[in-house]
């Protein structure tokens, strides 16, 4: 009996060790760096060279050029096996002309937000939005305003970020919460696309955990002439201490760029916090962070071209956006709203 008991103990210990070894192997395969590094300068350049080409005619809201750019984005999602969201019938959320013209009557035609979706593995009903506007200002006096930085850079960053999340999912490490990739229209005319989504959300706003918004991340500004190893973060601490801490921690762990909070000052005269698409989430109490490289000499000019983009900086900033969203989506508890945003 004693021999049998000893044998059972040995078998139990062996199986326990074996299980621990398997757990270690499993944990070792979950290397965020492999997903971060799948976001590359080369792929971003390939996408941006198309999205910000003359062929897209400056991506004016509702124009044929913008629709062509939208079709290209959808082709990338289909190619990478990333579906449109559950509950939707296509990759498009139509934004009617009547809505786009209600405020300023600019005679804009119907346009579309574009969405793609990576469903969460454990808390699929909780949604992390990653947003960027894909419209620009079109053609003026015969010149095409390609908007390579504004916001071609954010647009192609979303494609790469979605690909990284899908790669993780394909390898069995998909996000615990769902990721909604949201390309919004009409930003240049008054944040119309993101406002339309916030008023007509596919998923209840109460289930939306955060918005990570990307608008201009491919250049440097006058305050950082010596290095592009920086980024402005705006709004991360307005509604949630958790979101601020996440941004700081993932940057320290993975990205190692300088975070500049100059424009995070509520008294800043530029009021950038109110001028990009995250605001339509933040005003509804959803923690939001705006990732931004600042303005430069080519802002809203025909000279905002692909050949002026610093793709090393664009890749690093897209990687930062990915790691912020990764942490929000995978942490055990939903980030807490503990501030009023004022």
C-alpha atoms as a PDB file:
ATOM      1  CA  UNK A   1       0.000   0.000   0.000  1.00  0.00           C
ATOM      2  CA  UNK A   2       2.836   2.377   0.899  1.00  0.00           C
ATOM      3  CA  UNK A   3       4.571   1.582  -2.425  1.00  0.00           C
ATOM      4  CA  UNK A   4       1.335   2.268  -4.333  1.00  0.00           C
ATOM      5  CA  UNK A   5       0.862   5.573  -2.496  1.00  0.00           C
ATOM      6  CA  UNK A   6       4.447   6.602  -3.271  1.00  0.00           C
ATOM      7  CA  UNK A   7       3.929   5.729  -6.941  1.00  0.00           C
ATOM      8  CA  UNK A   8       0.751   7.814  -7.093  1.00  0.00           C
ATOM      9  CA  UNK A   9       2.572  10.778  -5.536  1.00  0.00           C
ATOM     10  CA  UNK A  10       5.402  10.481  -8.082  1.00  0.00           C
ATOM     11  CA  UNK A  11       2.940  10.335 -10.996  1.00  0.00           C
ATOM     12  CA  UNK A  12       1.089  13.398  -9.656  1.00  0.00           C
ATOM     13  CA  UNK A  13       4.326  15.354  -9.272  1.00  0.00           C
ATOM     14  CA  UNK A  14       5.442  14.350 -12.776  1.00  0.00           C
ATOM     15  CA  UNK A  15       2.158  15.416 -14.332  1.00  0.00           C
ATOM     16  CA  UNK A  16       2.226  18.672 -12.367  1.00  0.00           C
ATOM     17  CA  UNK A  17       5.729  19.459 -13.596  1.00  0.00           C
ATOM     18  CA  UNK A  18       4.697  18.575 -17.137  1.00  0.00           C
ATOM     19  CA  UNK A  19       1.715  20.941 -16.905  1.00  0.00           C
ATOM     20  CA  UNK A  20       3.926  23.743 -15.588  1.00  0.00           C
ATOM     21  CA  UNK A  21       6.379  23.174 -18.452  1.00  0.00           C
ATOM     22  CA  UNK A  22       3.513  23.372 -20.953  1.00  0.00           C
ATOM     23  CA  UNK A  23       2.289  26.594 -19.333  1.00  0.00           C
ATOM     24  CA  UNK A  24       5.759  28.095 -19.607  1.00  0.00           C
ATOM     25  CA  UNK A  25       5.966  27.195 -23.268  1.00  0.00           C
ATOM     26  CA  UNK A  26       2.515  28.682 -23.865  1.00  0.00           C
ATOM     27  CA  UNK A  27       3.379  31.908 -22.065  1.00  0.00           C
ATOM     28  CA  UNK A  28       6.664  32.185 -23.919  1.00  0.00           C
ATOM     29  CA  UNK A  29       4.862  32.115 -27.252  1.00  0.00           C
ATOM     30  CA  UNK A  30       2.805  35.167 -26.211  1.00  0.00           C
ATOM     31  CA  UNK A  31       5.403  37.731 -27.195  1.00  0.00           C
ATOM     32  CA  UNK A  32       3.840  41.130 -27.786  1.00  0.00           C
ATOM     33  CA  UNK A  33       7.004  42.207 -29.605  1.00  0.00           C
ATOM     34  CA  UNK A  34       6.285  39.886 -32.517  1.00  0.00           C
ATOM     35  CA  UNK A  35       2.954  41.633 -33.052  1.00  0.00           C
ATOM     36  CA  UNK A  36       4.372  45.105 -32.466  1.00  0.00           C
ATOM     37  CA  UNK A  37       7.139  44.453 -34.991  1.00  0.00           C
ATOM     38  CA  UNK A  38       4.643  43.274 -37.610  1.00  0.00           C
ATOM     39  CA  UNK A  39       3.826  46.990 -38.009  1.00  0.00           C
ATOM     40  CA  UNK A  40       6.564  48.046 -40.409  1.00  0.00           C
ATOM     41  CA  UNK A  41       7.713  51.213 -42.125  1.00  0.00           C
ATOM     42  CA  UNK A  42       7.861  49.366 -45.448  1.00  0.00           C
ATOM     43  CA  UNK A  43       4.229  48.231 -45.346  1.00  0.00           C
ATOM     44  CA  UNK A  44       3.050  51.638 -44.159  1.00  0.00           C
ATOM     45  CA  UNK A  45       4.854  53.229 -47.099  1.00  0.00           C
ATOM     46  CA  UNK A  46       3.240  50.795 -49.548  1.00  0.00           C
ATOM     47  CA  UNK A  47      -0.237  51.626 -48.266  1.00  0.00           C
ATOM     48  CA  UNK A  48       0.304  55.384 -47.979  1.00  0.00           C
ATOM     49  CA  UNK A  49       1.775  55.649 -51.473  1.00  0.00           C
ATOM     50  CA  UNK A  50      -1.614  54.443 -52.716  1.00  0.00           C
ATOM     51  CA  UNK A  51      -3.979  56.125 -50.239  1.00  0.00           C
ATOM     52  CA  UNK A  52      -2.308  59.545 -50.630  1.00  0.00           C
ATOM     53  CA  UNK A  53      -1.743  59.358 -54.388  1.00  0.00           C
ATOM     54  CA  UNK A  54      -3.163  61.817 -56.930  1.00  0.00           C
ATOM     55  CA  UNK A  55      -5.482  59.024 -58.049  1.00  0.00           C
ATOM     56  CA  UNK A  56      -7.473  59.474 -54.826  1.00  0.00           C
ATOM     57  CA  UNK A  57      -8.055  63.175 -55.687  1.00  0.00           C
ATOM     58  CA  UNK A  58      -7.460  64.414 -52.165  1.00  0.00           C
ATOM     59  CA  UNK A  59     -10.148  62.171 -50.600  1.00  0.00           C
ATOM     60  CA  UNK A  60     -12.725  64.957 -50.240  1.00  0.00           C
ATOM     61  CA  UNK A  61     -15.719  63.810 -48.204  1.00  0.00           C
ATOM     62  CA  UNK A  62     -18.078  61.783 -50.382  1.00  0.00           C
ATOM     63  CA  UNK A  63     -15.981  62.186 -53.530  1.00  0.00           C
ATOM     64  CA  UNK A  64     -15.093  59.399 -55.947  1.00  0.00           C
ATOM     65  CA  UNK A  65     -11.499  59.683 -54.785  1.00  0.00           C
ATOM     66  CA  UNK A  66     -12.459  59.089 -51.183  1.00  0.00           C
ATOM     67  CA  UNK A  67     -14.598  56.134 -52.215  1.00  0.00           C
ATOM     68  CA  UNK A  68     -11.628  54.685 -54.121  1.00  0.00           C
ATOM     69  CA  UNK A  69      -9.477  55.047 -51.004  1.00  0.00           C
ATOM     70  CA  UNK A  70     -12.194  53.330 -48.994  1.00  0.00           C
ATOM     71  CA  UNK A  71     -12.294  50.408 -51.409  1.00  0.00           C
ATOM     72  CA  UNK A  72      -8.533  50.034 -51.067  1.00  0.00           C
ATOM     73  CA  UNK A  73      -8.828  49.884 -47.272  1.00  0.00           C
ATOM     74  CA  UNK A  74     -11.538  47.244 -47.475  1.00  0.00           C
ATOM     75  CA  UNK A  75      -9.401  45.195 -49.873  1.00  0.00           C
ATOM     76  CA  UNK A  76      -6.655  45.125 -47.225  1.00  0.00           C
ATOM     77  CA  UNK A  77      -9.052  43.927 -44.540  1.00  0.00           C
ATOM     78  CA  UNK A  78     -10.388  41.188 -46.787  1.00  0.00           C
ATOM     79  CA  UNK A  79      -6.844  40.180 -47.729  1.00  0.00           C
ATOM     80  CA  UNK A  80      -5.924  39.857 -44.044  1.00  0.00           C
ATOM     81  CA  UNK A  81      -9.091  37.932 -43.148  1.00  0.00           C
ATOM     82  CA  UNK A  82     -10.495  40.747 -41.010  1.00  0.00           C
ATOM     83  CA  UNK A  83     -14.309  40.892 -41.249  1.00  0.00           C
ATOM     84  CA  UNK A  84     -16.735  43.736 -40.881  1.00  0.00           C
ATOM     85  CA  UNK A  85     -18.364  43.883 -37.439  1.00  0.00           C
ATOM     86  CA  UNK A  86     -21.062  41.552 -36.240  1.00  0.00           C
ATOM     87  CA  UNK A  87     -24.409  43.253 -36.620  1.00  0.00           C
ATOM     88  CA  UNK A  88     -23.305  45.141 -39.741  1.00  0.00           C
ATOM     89  CA  UNK A  89     -24.111  44.102 -43.302  1.00  0.00           C
ATOM     90  CA  UNK A  90     -20.901  45.392 -44.900  1.00  0.00           C
ATOM     91  CA  UNK A  91     -17.698  47.304 -44.208  1.00  0.00           C
ATOM     92  CA  UNK A  92     -19.629  50.567 -44.642  1.00  0.00           C
ATOM     93  CA  UNK A  93     -21.649  52.743 -42.296  1.00  0.00           C
ATOM     94  CA  UNK A  94     -23.428  55.168 -44.602  1.00  0.00           C
ATOM     95  CA  UNK A  95     -23.394  58.796 -43.473  1.00  0.00           C
ATOM     96  CA  UNK A  96     -26.195  60.537 -45.404  1.00  0.00           C
ATOM     97  CA  UNK A  97     -25.687  63.848 -47.199  1.00  0.00           C
ATOM     98  CA  UNK A  98     -28.513  65.351 -45.134  1.00  0.00           C
ATOM     99  CA  UNK A  99     -26.535  64.656 -41.969  1.00  0.00           C
ATOM    100  CA  UNK A 100     -23.240  65.941 -43.410  1.00  0.00           C
ATOM    101  CA  UNK A 101     -24.851  69.205 -44.536  1.00  0.00           C
ATOM    102  CA  UNK A 102     -27.122  69.829 -41.558  1.00  0.00           C
ATOM    103  CA  UNK A 103     -24.663  72.141 -39.787  1.00  0.00           C
ATOM    104  CA  UNK A 104     -22.960  74.105 -42.547  1.00  0.00           C
ATOM    105  CA  UNK A 105     -24.808  73.203 -45.788  1.00  0.00           C
ATOM    106  CA  UNK A 106     -21.635  72.533 -47.798  1.00  0.00           C
ATOM    107  CA  UNK A 107     -23.445  70.478 -50.439  1.00  0.00           C
ATOM    108  CA  UNK A 108     -21.568  67.286 -49.550  1.00  0.00           C
ATOM    109  CA  UNK A 109     -22.809  63.997 -51.044  1.00  0.00           C
ATOM    110  CA  UNK A 110     -23.438  60.794 -49.120  1.00  0.00           C
ATOM    111  CA  UNK A 111     -20.275  59.360 -47.595  1.00  0.00           C
ATOM    112  CA  UNK A 112     -19.276  56.389 -45.472  1.00  0.00           C
ATOM    113  CA  UNK A 113     -17.457  55.438 -42.330  1.00  0.00           C
ATOM    114  CA  UNK A 114     -15.528  52.196 -42.810  1.00  0.00           C
ATOM    115  CA  UNK A 115     -15.195  49.610 -40.084  1.00  0.00           C
ATOM    116  CA  UNK A 116     -13.443  46.309 -39.483  1.00  0.00           C
ATOM    117  CA  UNK A 117     -13.603  44.048 -36.454  1.00  0.00           C
ATOM    118  CA  UNK A 118     -11.508  41.654 -34.400  1.00  0.00           C
ATOM    119  CA  UNK A 119     -13.838  39.902 -31.966  1.00  0.00           C
ATOM    120  CA  UNK A 120     -12.668  39.495 -28.388  1.00  0.00           C
ATOM    121  CA  UNK A 121     -12.021  36.049 -26.986  1.00  0.00           C
ATOM    122  CA  UNK A 122     -13.281  36.586 -23.419  1.00  0.00           C
ATOM    123  CA  UNK A 123     -15.251  39.846 -23.281  1.00  0.00           C
ATOM    124  CA  UNK A 124     -16.450  40.324 -26.862  1.00  0.00           C
ATOM    125  CA  UNK A 125     -19.225  42.684 -25.815  1.00  0.00           C
ATOM    126  CA  UNK A 126     -16.657  45.232 -24.561  1.00  0.00           C
ATOM    127  CA  UNK A 127     -15.341  47.347 -27.447  1.00  0.00           C
ATOM    128  CA  UNK A 128     -12.035  49.181 -27.895  1.00  0.00           C
ATOM    129  CA  UNK A 129     -12.283  51.652 -30.784  1.00  0.00           C
ATOM    130  CA  UNK A 130      -9.202  52.634 -32.792  1.00  0.00           C
ATOM    131  CA  UNK A 131     -10.073  55.551 -35.044  1.00  0.00           C
ATOM    132  CA  UNK A 132      -8.658  57.816 -37.749  1.00  0.00           C
ATOM    133  CA  UNK A 133     -10.263  59.972 -40.424  1.00  0.00           C
ATOM    134  CA  UNK A 134      -9.614  59.001 -44.028  1.00  0.00           C
ATOM    135  CA  UNK A 135     -11.010  62.116 -45.708  1.00  0.00           C
ATOM    136  CA  UNK A 136      -8.994  65.175 -46.683  1.00  0.00           C
ATOM    137  CA  UNK A 137      -9.787  68.425 -48.523  1.00  0.00           C
ATOM    138  CA  UNK A 138      -9.811  67.322 -52.174  1.00  0.00           C
ATOM    139  CA  UNK A 139      -8.684  69.447 -55.127  1.00  0.00           C
ATOM    140  CA  UNK A 140      -8.293  73.231 -55.002  1.00  0.00           C
ATOM    141  CA  UNK A 141      -7.472  75.421 -57.984  1.00  0.00           C
ATOM    142  CA  UNK A 142      -6.409  72.361 -59.932  1.00  0.00           C
ATOM    143  CA  UNK A 143      -4.006  71.143 -57.235  1.00  0.00           C
ATOM    144  CA  UNK A 144      -4.546  67.831 -55.472  1.00  0.00           C
ATOM    145  CA  UNK A 145      -4.238  68.035 -51.702  1.00  0.00           C
ATOM    146  CA  UNK A 146      -3.100  64.497 -50.933  1.00  0.00           C
ATOM    147  CA  UNK A 147      -3.019  64.809 -47.137  1.00  0.00           C
ATOM    148  CA  UNK A 148      -0.248  62.273 -46.695  1.00  0.00           C
ATOM    149  CA  UNK A 149       0.156  63.205 -43.047  1.00  0.00           C
ATOM    150  CA  UNK A 150      -3.373  64.552 -42.531  1.00  0.00           C
ATOM    151  CA  UNK A 151      -4.603  61.915 -42.143  1.00  0.00           C
ATOM    152  CA  UNK A 152      -3.187  59.426 -44.601  1.00  0.00           C
ATOM    153  CA  UNK A 153      -0.682  58.526 -41.897  1.00  0.00           C
ATOM    154  CA  UNK A 154      -3.384  57.617 -39.373  1.00  0.00           C
ATOM    155  CA  UNK A 155      -5.417  55.844 -42.030  1.00  0.00           C
ATOM    156  CA  UNK A 156      -2.658  53.413 -42.974  1.00  0.00           C
ATOM    157  CA  UNK A 157      -1.651  52.999 -39.332  1.00  0.00           C
ATOM    158  CA  UNK A 158      -5.113  51.531 -38.700  1.00  0.00           C
ATOM    159  CA  UNK A 159      -4.590  48.968 -41.474  1.00  0.00           C
ATOM    160  CA  UNK A 160      -1.317  47.821 -39.916  1.00  0.00           C
ATOM    161  CA  UNK A 161      -2.697  47.812 -36.372  1.00  0.00           C
ATOM    162  CA  UNK A 162      -5.656  45.686 -37.455  1.00  0.00           C
ATOM    163  CA  UNK A 163      -3.281  43.279 -39.189  1.00  0.00           C
ATOM    164  CA  UNK A 164      -1.233  42.956 -35.981  1.00  0.00           C
ATOM    165  CA  UNK A 165      -4.322  42.157 -33.897  1.00  0.00           C
ATOM    166  CA  UNK A 166      -5.490  39.628 -36.472  1.00  0.00           C
ATOM    167  CA  UNK A 167      -2.058  37.986 -36.503  1.00  0.00           C
ATOM    168  CA  UNK A 168      -2.315  37.580 -32.730  1.00  0.00           C
ATOM    169  CA  UNK A 169      -5.811  36.123 -33.079  1.00  0.00           C
ATOM    170  CA  UNK A 170      -4.672  33.687 -35.782  1.00  0.00           C
ATOM    171  CA  UNK A 171      -1.946  32.456 -33.429  1.00  0.00           C
ATOM    172  CA  UNK A 172      -4.363  31.915 -30.561  1.00  0.00           C
ATOM    173  CA  UNK A 173      -3.607  35.156 -28.707  1.00  0.00           C
ATOM    174  CA  UNK A 174      -6.405  37.400 -29.895  1.00  0.00           C
ATOM    175  CA  UNK A 175      -7.524  40.322 -27.720  1.00  0.00           C
ATOM    176  CA  UNK A 176      -9.834  39.556 -24.807  1.00  0.00           C
ATOM    177  CA  UNK A 177     -12.013  42.537 -25.710  1.00  0.00           C
ATOM    178  CA  UNK A 178     -13.206  43.299 -29.219  1.00  0.00           C
ATOM    179  CA  UNK A 179     -11.398  45.784 -31.444  1.00  0.00           C
ATOM    180  CA  UNK A 180     -13.409  48.078 -33.709  1.00  0.00           C
ATOM    181  CA  UNK A 181     -11.263  49.661 -36.403  1.00  0.00           C
ATOM    182  CA  UNK A 182     -13.091  52.835 -37.430  1.00  0.00           C
ATOM    183  CA  UNK A 183     -12.121  54.978 -40.436  1.00  0.00           C
ATOM    184  CA  UNK A 184     -14.336  58.038 -40.181  1.00  0.00           C
ATOM    185  CA  UNK A 185     -15.385  60.467 -42.868  1.00  0.00           C
ATOM    186  CA  UNK A 186     -16.118  64.188 -42.762  1.00  0.00           C
ATOM    187  CA  UNK A 187     -13.526  65.145 -40.163  1.00  0.00           C
ATOM    188  CA  UNK A 188     -12.315  68.103 -42.188  1.00  0.00           C
ATOM    189  CA  UNK A 189     -15.856  69.499 -42.317  1.00  0.00           C
ATOM    190  CA  UNK A 190     -16.569  69.262 -38.594  1.00  0.00           C
ATOM    191  CA  UNK A 191     -15.907  65.776 -37.181  1.00  0.00           C
ATOM    192  CA  UNK A 192     -19.095  64.600 -38.891  1.00  0.00           C
ATOM    193  CA  UNK A 193     -18.280  60.889 -39.314  1.00  0.00           C
ATOM    194  CA  UNK A 194     -17.282  60.276 -35.720  1.00  0.00           C
ATOM    195  CA  UNK A 195     -20.239  62.322 -34.501  1.00  0.00           C
ATOM    196  CA  UNK A 196     -22.529  60.216 -36.681  1.00  0.00           C
ATOM    197  CA  UNK A 197     -21.067  57.016 -35.231  1.00  0.00           C
ATOM    198  CA  UNK A 198     -21.431  58.302 -31.665  1.00  0.00           C
ATOM    199  CA  UNK A 199     -25.087  59.090 -32.351  1.00  0.00           C
ATOM    200  CA  UNK A 200     -25.670  55.854 -34.276  1.00  0.00           C
ATOM    201  CA  UNK A 201     -23.287  53.375 -32.662  1.00  0.00           C
ATOM    202  CA  UNK A 202     -23.167  49.798 -33.864  1.00  0.00           C
ATOM    203  CA  UNK A 203     -22.346  48.758 -30.300  1.00  0.00           C
ATOM    204  CA  UNK A 204     -23.812  50.518 -27.250  1.00  0.00           C
ATOM    205  CA  UNK A 205     -21.625  53.380 -26.084  1.00  0.00           C
ATOM    206  CA  UNK A 206     -21.873  51.990 -22.554  1.00  0.00           C
ATOM    207  CA  UNK A 207     -19.926  48.960 -23.843  1.00  0.00           C
ATOM    208  CA  UNK A 208     -17.230  51.095 -25.478  1.00  0.00           C
ATOM    209  CA  UNK A 209     -14.206  50.928 -23.199  1.00  0.00           C
ATOM    210  CA  UNK A 210     -11.963  53.512 -24.880  1.00  0.00           C
ATOM    211  CA  UNK A 211     -11.056  55.271 -28.113  1.00  0.00           C
ATOM    212  CA  UNK A 212      -7.481  55.439 -29.378  1.00  0.00           C
ATOM    213  CA  UNK A 213      -7.541  58.133 -32.076  1.00  0.00           C
ATOM    214  CA  UNK A 214      -4.750  58.742 -34.583  1.00  0.00           C
ATOM    215  CA  UNK A 215      -4.550  61.979 -36.573  1.00  0.00           C
ATOM    216  CA  UNK A 216      -1.226  62.991 -38.195  1.00  0.00           C
ATOM    217  CA  UNK A 217       1.661  60.799 -37.042  1.00  0.00           C
ATOM    218  CA  UNK A 218       4.067  60.840 -40.006  1.00  0.00           C
ATOM    219  CA  UNK A 219       6.038  64.092 -39.613  1.00  0.00           C
ATOM    220  CA  UNK A 220       7.742  66.301 -37.043  1.00  0.00           C
ATOM    221  CA  UNK A 221       6.936  69.843 -35.984  1.00  0.00           C
ATOM    222  CA  UNK A 222       9.024  72.946 -35.351  1.00  0.00           C
ATOM    223  CA  UNK A 223       9.409  72.138 -31.653  1.00  0.00           C
ATOM    224  CA  UNK A 224      11.190  68.864 -32.476  1.00  0.00           C
ATOM    225  CA  UNK A 225      13.529  69.782 -35.323  1.00  0.00           C
ATOM    226  CA  UNK A 226      16.363  67.664 -33.954  1.00  0.00           C
ATOM    227  CA  UNK A 227      14.503  64.369 -33.597  1.00  0.00           C
ATOM    228  CA  UNK A 228      11.302  62.638 -34.640  1.00  0.00           C
ATOM    229  CA  UNK A 229      11.439  60.392 -31.561  1.00  0.00           C
ATOM    230  CA  UNK A 230       8.485  62.050 -29.854  1.00  0.00           C
ATOM    231  CA  UNK A 231       4.696  62.143 -29.953  1.00  0.00           C
ATOM    232  CA  UNK A 232       2.016  64.367 -28.473  1.00  0.00           C
ATOM    233  CA  UNK A 233      -0.618  62.625 -26.373  1.00  0.00           C
ATOM    234  CA  UNK A 234      -3.774  64.583 -25.683  1.00  0.00           C
ATOM    235  CA  UNK A 235      -6.634  63.693 -23.356  1.00  0.00           C
ATOM    236  CA  UNK A 236      -5.322  60.464 -21.860  1.00  0.00           C
ATOM    237  CA  UNK A 237      -5.806  61.750 -18.295  1.00  0.00           C
ATOM    238  CA  UNK A 238      -9.013  63.740 -18.825  1.00  0.00           C
ATOM    239  CA  UNK A 239     -11.412  60.912 -17.947  1.00  0.00           C
ATOM    240  CA  UNK A 240      -9.320  57.992 -16.710  1.00  0.00           C
ATOM    241  CA  UNK A 241      -6.197  57.663 -14.616  1.00  0.00           C
ATOM    242  CA  UNK A 242      -5.963  54.090 -15.912  1.00  0.00           C
ATOM    243  CA  UNK A 243      -5.694  55.263 -19.525  1.00  0.00           C
ATOM    244  CA  UNK A 244      -2.948  57.756 -18.677  1.00  0.00           C
ATOM    245  CA  UNK A 245      -0.998  55.075 -16.802  1.00  0.00           C
ATOM    246  CA  UNK A 246      -1.394  52.589 -19.661  1.00  0.00           C
ATOM    247  CA  UNK A 247       0.010  55.062 -22.190  1.00  0.00           C
ATOM    248  CA  UNK A 248       3.014  55.754 -19.986  1.00  0.00           C
ATOM    249  CA  UNK A 249       3.668  52.129 -19.083  1.00  0.00           C
ATOM    250  CA  UNK A 250       3.505  50.613 -22.572  1.00  0.00           C
ATOM    251  CA  UNK A 251       5.722  53.366 -23.918  1.00  0.00           C
ATOM    252  CA  UNK A 252       8.309  52.694 -21.213  1.00  0.00           C
ATOM    253  CA  UNK A 253       8.139  48.933 -21.771  1.00  0.00           C
ATOM    254  CA  UNK A 254       8.005  48.729 -25.552  1.00  0.00           C
ATOM    255  CA  UNK A 255       8.322  51.940 -27.579  1.00  0.00           C
ATOM    256  CA  UNK A 256      10.730  54.311 -25.805  1.00  0.00           C
ATOM    257  CA  UNK A 257       9.648  57.558 -27.407  1.00  0.00           C
ATOM    258  CA  UNK A 258       9.321  60.956 -25.766  1.00  0.00           C
ATOM    259  CA  UNK A 259       5.729  61.714 -24.804  1.00  0.00           C
ATOM    260  CA  UNK A 260       5.077  65.442 -25.057  1.00  0.00           C
ATOM    261  CA  UNK A 261       2.061  66.778 -23.123  1.00  0.00           C
ATOM    262  CA  UNK A 262       2.309  70.365 -24.368  1.00  0.00           C
ATOM    263  CA  UNK A 263      -1.094  70.257 -26.073  1.00  0.00           C
ATOM    264  CA  UNK A 264      -2.718  68.336 -23.234  1.00  0.00           C
ATOM    265  CA  UNK A 265      -2.984  71.595 -21.304  1.00  0.00           C
ATOM    266  CA  UNK A 266      -6.658  72.515 -21.074  1.00  0.00           C
ATOM    267  CA  UNK A 267      -5.664  76.164 -21.496  1.00  0.00           C
ATOM    268  CA  UNK A 268      -3.813  75.512 -24.765  1.00  0.00           C
ATOM    269  CA  UNK A 269      -5.066  78.025 -27.332  1.00  0.00           C
ATOM    270  CA  UNK A 270      -4.957  75.465 -30.171  1.00  0.00           C
ATOM    271  CA  UNK A 271      -7.704  73.419 -28.489  1.00  0.00           C
ATOM    272  CA  UNK A 272      -6.570  70.261 -30.304  1.00  0.00           C
ATOM    273  CA  UNK A 273      -8.501  68.127 -27.819  1.00  0.00           C
ATOM    274  CA  UNK A 274     -11.727  69.394 -29.369  1.00  0.00           C
ATOM    275  CA  UNK A 275     -10.546  69.196 -32.988  1.00  0.00           C
ATOM    276  CA  UNK A 276     -10.209  65.513 -33.796  1.00  0.00           C
ATOM    277  CA  UNK A 277     -12.512  62.517 -33.791  1.00  0.00           C
ATOM    278  CA  UNK A 278     -11.782  61.207 -30.292  1.00  0.00           C
ATOM    279  CA  UNK A 279     -13.785  64.154 -28.960  1.00  0.00           C
ATOM    280  CA  UNK A 280     -17.084  62.620 -30.048  1.00  0.00           C
ATOM    281  CA  UNK A 281     -16.277  59.647 -27.827  1.00  0.00           C
ATOM    282  CA  UNK A 282     -14.840  61.671 -24.950  1.00  0.00           C
ATOM    283  CA  UNK A 283     -17.858  63.962 -24.737  1.00  0.00           C
ATOM    284  CA  UNK A 284     -19.908  60.805 -24.143  1.00  0.00           C
ATOM    285  CA  UNK A 285     -17.735  59.828 -21.186  1.00  0.00           C
ATOM    286  CA  UNK A 286     -15.531  57.338 -23.049  1.00  0.00           C
ATOM    287  CA  UNK A 287     -11.823  57.536 -22.113  1.00  0.00           C
ATOM    288  CA  UNK A 288      -9.957  58.710 -25.195  1.00  0.00           C
ATOM    289  CA  UNK A 289      -6.396  59.492 -26.224  1.00  0.00           C
ATOM    290  CA  UNK A 290      -5.400  61.521 -29.275  1.00  0.00           C
ATOM    291  CA  UNK A 291      -2.030  60.617 -30.845  1.00  0.00           C
ATOM    292  CA  UNK A 292      -0.596  63.525 -32.842  1.00  0.00           C
ATOM    293  CA  UNK A 293       2.728  64.764 -34.248  1.00  0.00           C
ATOM    294  CA  UNK A 294       1.790  68.455 -34.251  1.00  0.00           C
ATOM    295  CA  UNK A 295       1.373  70.781 -37.214  1.00  0.00           C
ATOM    296  CA  UNK A 296       4.065  71.584 -39.785  1.00  0.00           C
ATOM    297  CA  UNK A 297       4.621  73.903 -42.747  1.00  0.00           C
ATOM    298  CA  UNK A 298       2.653  71.631 -45.113  1.00  0.00           C
ATOM    299  CA  UNK A 299      -0.454  71.355 -42.939  1.00  0.00           C
ATOM    300  CA  UNK A 300      -3.541  71.695 -45.180  1.00  0.00           C
ATOM    301  CA  UNK A 301      -1.405  72.503 -48.190  1.00  0.00           C
ATOM    302  CA  UNK A 302      -0.895  70.707 -51.477  1.00  0.00           C
ATOM    303  CA  UNK A 303       2.674  70.020 -50.338  1.00  0.00           C
ATOM    304  CA  UNK A 304       1.601  67.468 -47.692  1.00  0.00           C
ATOM    305  CA  UNK A 305       3.037  64.641 -49.798  1.00  0.00           C
ATOM    306  CA  UNK A 306       4.227  61.074 -49.223  1.00  0.00           C
ATOM    307  CA  UNK A 307       7.870  61.924 -49.927  1.00  0.00           C
ATOM    308  CA  UNK A 308       7.926  64.090 -46.782  1.00  0.00           C
ATOM    309  CA  UNK A 309       6.707  61.337 -44.464  1.00  0.00           C
ATOM    310  CA  UNK A 310       9.253  59.948 -41.984  1.00  0.00           C
ATOM    311  CA  UNK A 311       8.272  56.311 -42.074  1.00  0.00           C
ATOM    312  CA  UNK A 312      10.457  55.277 -39.134  1.00  0.00           C
ATOM    313  CA  UNK A 313       8.526  57.718 -36.962  1.00  0.00           C
ATOM    314  CA  UNK A 314       5.195  56.677 -38.477  1.00  0.00           C
ATOM    315  CA  UNK A 315       5.907  53.026 -37.680  1.00  0.00           C
ATOM    316  CA  UNK A 316       6.979  53.750 -34.117  1.00  0.00           C
ATOM    317  CA  UNK A 317       3.895  55.849 -33.415  1.00  0.00           C
ATOM    318  CA  UNK A 318       1.586  53.246 -34.961  1.00  0.00           C
ATOM    319  CA  UNK A 319       3.265  50.680 -32.719  1.00  0.00           C
ATOM    320  CA  UNK A 320       2.560  52.890 -29.712  1.00  0.00           C
ATOM    321  CA  UNK A 321      -1.119  53.101 -30.657  1.00  0.00           C
ATOM    322  CA  UNK A 322      -1.206  49.316 -31.020  1.00  0.00           C
ATOM    323  CA  UNK A 323       0.377  48.689 -27.614  1.00  0.00           C
ATOM    324  CA  UNK A 324      -2.026  51.116 -25.913  1.00  0.00           C
ATOM    325  CA  UNK A 325      -5.003  49.349 -27.484  1.00  0.00           C
ATOM    326  CA  UNK A 326      -3.460  45.931 -26.750  1.00  0.00           C
ATOM    327  CA  UNK A 327      -3.179  46.708 -23.049  1.00  0.00           C
ATOM    328  CA  UNK A 328      -6.683  48.176 -22.832  1.00  0.00           C
ATOM    329  CA  UNK A 329      -8.108  45.126 -24.607  1.00  0.00           C
ATOM    330  CA  UNK A 330      -6.236  42.502 -22.590  1.00  0.00           C
ATOM    331  CA  UNK A 331      -6.089  43.756 -19.010  1.00  0.00           C
ATOM    332  CA  UNK A 332      -8.249  41.794 -16.542  1.00  0.00           C
ATOM    333  CA  UNK A 333     -10.519  44.702 -15.620  1.00  0.00           C
ATOM    334  CA  UNK A 334     -12.070  47.392 -17.771  1.00  0.00           C
ATOM    335  CA  UNK A 335     -10.361  50.752 -17.386  1.00  0.00           C
ATOM    336  CA  UNK A 336     -12.127  52.993 -14.892  1.00  0.00           C
ATOM    337  CA  UNK A 337     -13.642  56.395 -15.564  1.00  0.00           C
ATOM    338  CA  UNK A 338     -12.622  58.316 -12.438  1.00  0.00           C
ATOM    339  CA  UNK A 339     -12.627  61.919 -13.719  1.00  0.00           C
ATOM    340  CA  UNK A 340     -15.260  64.207 -15.195  1.00  0.00           C
ATOM    341  CA  UNK A 341     -13.199  65.374 -18.176  1.00  0.00           C
ATOM    342  CA  UNK A 342     -13.192  69.021 -17.108  1.00  0.00           C
END
